[in-house]
Amino acid sequence: MNIARVRWACRRGMLELDVLFQPFVEAHYEQMNDLDKGIFVRLLEGEDPVLFAWFMGHEQCPDPELAEMVIRVRGRAAP
């Protein structure tokens, strides 16, 4: 997925997710390897309520790759 499509996919229905995804993509996406880019894109395919629960720690992500990406995004999203 090209960067323009990834940026568009980061525009969510929840502001809380926007403020996590958009800064992360701008600062880190292009430097990620292809495997990590694929995992991030797969994460973006999730539904907002599920993603919100994972990022806020209300639920544990059952997929280990996605769970690791949640940790990465949460830790690196802040400018």
C-alpha atoms as a PDB file:
ATOM      1  CA  MET A   1       0.000   0.000   0.000  1.00  0.00           C
ATOM      2  CA  ASN A   2       1.449   3.369  -0.930  1.00  0.00           C
ATOM      3  CA  ILE A   3       1.891   6.129   1.639  1.00  0.00           C
ATOM      4  CA  ALA A   4      -1.074   8.179   0.381  1.00  0.00           C
ATOM      5  CA  ARG A   5      -3.427   5.231   0.915  1.00  0.00           C
ATOM      6  CA  VAL A   6      -1.945   4.545   4.336  1.00  0.00           C
ATOM      7  CA  ARG A   7      -2.434   8.176   5.337  1.00  0.00           C
ATOM      8  CA  TRP A   8      -6.044   7.987   4.160  1.00  0.00           C
ATOM      9  CA  ALA A   9      -6.610   4.738   6.086  1.00  0.00           C
ATOM     10  CA  CYS A  10      -5.301   6.472   9.231  1.00  0.00           C
ATOM     11  CA  ARG A  11      -8.225   8.894   9.091  1.00  0.00           C
ATOM     12  CA  ARG A  12     -10.612   7.168  11.430  1.00  0.00           C
ATOM     13  CA  GLY A  13     -14.042   7.781  12.866  1.00  0.00           C
ATOM     14  CA  MET A  14     -12.527   8.289  16.314  1.00  0.00           C
ATOM     15  CA  LEU A  15     -10.324  11.243  17.114  1.00  0.00           C
ATOM     16  CA  GLU A  16      -8.474   9.137  19.682  1.00  0.00           C
ATOM     17  CA  LEU A  17      -7.256   6.840  16.914  1.00  0.00           C
ATOM     18  CA  ASP A  18      -6.449   9.714  14.565  1.00  0.00           C
ATOM     19  CA  VAL A  19      -4.060  11.219  17.100  1.00  0.00           C
ATOM     20  CA  LEU A  20      -2.273   7.883  17.402  1.00  0.00           C
ATOM     21  CA  PHE A  21      -2.090   6.797  13.777  1.00  0.00           C
ATOM     22  CA  GLN A  22      -1.417  10.015  11.887  1.00  0.00           C
ATOM     23  CA  PRO A  23       1.721  11.130  13.782  1.00  0.00           C
ATOM     24  CA  PHE A  24       3.058   7.562  13.733  1.00  0.00           C
ATOM     25  CA  VAL A  25       2.669   7.279   9.965  1.00  0.00           C
ATOM     26  CA  GLU A  26       4.267  10.651   9.327  1.00  0.00           C
ATOM     27  CA  ALA A  27       7.263   9.921  11.543  1.00  0.00           C
ATOM     28  CA  HIS A  28       7.880   6.200  11.053  1.00  0.00           C
ATOM     29  CA  TYR A  29       6.008   4.449   8.239  1.00  0.00           C
ATOM     30  CA  GLU A  30       8.397   5.095   5.372  1.00  0.00           C
ATOM     31  CA  GLN A  31      11.385   3.857   7.416  1.00  0.00           C
ATOM     32  CA  MET A  32       9.671   0.578   8.344  1.00  0.00           C
ATOM     33  CA  ASN A  33      10.555  -2.659   6.562  1.00  0.00           C
ATOM     34  CA  ASP A  34       7.986  -4.301   4.286  1.00  0.00           C
ATOM     35  CA  LEU A  35       6.945  -6.870   6.886  1.00  0.00           C
ATOM     36  CA  ASP A  36       6.196  -4.183   9.478  1.00  0.00           C
ATOM     37  CA  LYS A  37       4.398  -2.059   6.897  1.00  0.00           C
ATOM     38  CA  GLY A  38       2.185  -5.031   6.115  1.00  0.00           C
ATOM     39  CA  ILE A  39       1.426  -5.586   9.800  1.00  0.00           C
ATOM     40  CA  PHE A  40       0.583  -1.912  10.243  1.00  0.00           C
ATOM     41  CA  VAL A  41      -1.741  -1.963   7.224  1.00  0.00           C
ATOM     42  CA  ARG A  42      -3.394  -5.093   8.639  1.00  0.00           C
ATOM     43  CA  LEU A  43      -3.882  -3.222  11.922  1.00  0.00           C
ATOM     44  CA  LEU A  44      -5.592  -0.393  10.039  1.00  0.00           C
ATOM     45  CA  GLU A  45      -8.096  -2.898   8.662  1.00  0.00           C
ATOM     46  CA  GLY A  46      -9.504  -3.366  12.167  1.00  0.00           C
ATOM     47  CA  GLU A  47     -12.741  -1.783  13.298  1.00  0.00           C
ATOM     48  CA  ASP A  48     -12.491   1.390  15.359  1.00  0.00           C
ATOM     49  CA  PRO A  49     -14.118   0.061  18.564  1.00  0.00           C
ATOM     50  CA  VAL A  50     -11.783  -2.953  18.600  1.00  0.00           C
ATOM     51  CA  LEU A  51      -8.708  -0.832  17.890  1.00  0.00           C
ATOM     52  CA  PHE A  52      -9.746   1.648  20.580  1.00  0.00           C
ATOM     53  CA  ALA A  53     -10.068  -1.169  23.120  1.00  0.00           C
ATOM     54  CA  TRP A  54      -6.594  -2.462  22.242  1.00  0.00           C
ATOM     55  CA  PHE A  55      -4.911   0.933  22.336  1.00  0.00           C
ATOM     56  CA  MET A  56      -6.566   1.955  25.598  1.00  0.00           C
ATOM     57  CA  GLY A  57      -5.690  -1.363  27.198  1.00  0.00           C
ATOM     58  CA  HIS A  58      -9.295  -2.423  27.754  1.00  0.00           C
ATOM     59  CA  GLU A  59      -8.735  -5.631  25.774  1.00  0.00           C
ATOM     60  CA  GLN A  60      -5.710  -7.675  24.756  1.00  0.00           C
ATOM     61  CA  CYS A  61      -5.108  -8.124  21.036  1.00  0.00           C
ATOM     62  CA  PRO A  62      -5.159 -11.867  20.282  1.00  0.00           C
ATOM     63  CA  ASP A  63      -2.753 -11.599  17.320  1.00  0.00           C
ATOM     64  CA  PRO A  64       0.884 -11.336  18.527  1.00  0.00           C
ATOM     65  CA  GLU A  65       2.053  -9.329  15.492  1.00  0.00           C
ATOM     66  CA  LEU A  66      -0.776  -6.828  15.812  1.00  0.00           C
ATOM     67  CA  ALA A  67      -0.290  -6.640  19.593  1.00  0.00           C
ATOM     68  CA  GLU A  68       3.363  -5.726  19.065  1.00  0.00           C
ATOM     69  CA  MET A  69       2.388  -3.070  16.508  1.00  0.00           C
ATOM     70  CA  VAL A  70      -0.124  -1.601  18.980  1.00  0.00           C
ATOM     71  CA  ILE A  71       2.724  -1.241  21.480  1.00  0.00           C
ATOM     72  CA  ARG A  72       4.966   0.359  18.863  1.00  0.00           C
ATOM     73  CA  VAL A  73       2.338   2.847  17.723  1.00  0.00           C
ATOM     74  CA  ARG A  74       1.341   3.723  21.277  1.00  0.00           C
ATOM     75  CA  GLY A  75       4.970   4.326  22.228  1.00  0.00           C
ATOM     76  CA  ARG A  76       5.974   6.310  19.143  1.00  0.00           C
ATOM     77  CA  ALA A  77       2.912   8.274  18.169  1.00  0.00           C
ATOM     78  CA  ALA A  78       3.680  11.276  20.326  1.00  0.00           C
ATOM     79  CA  PRO A  79       5.791  13.939  18.584  1.00  0.00           C
END
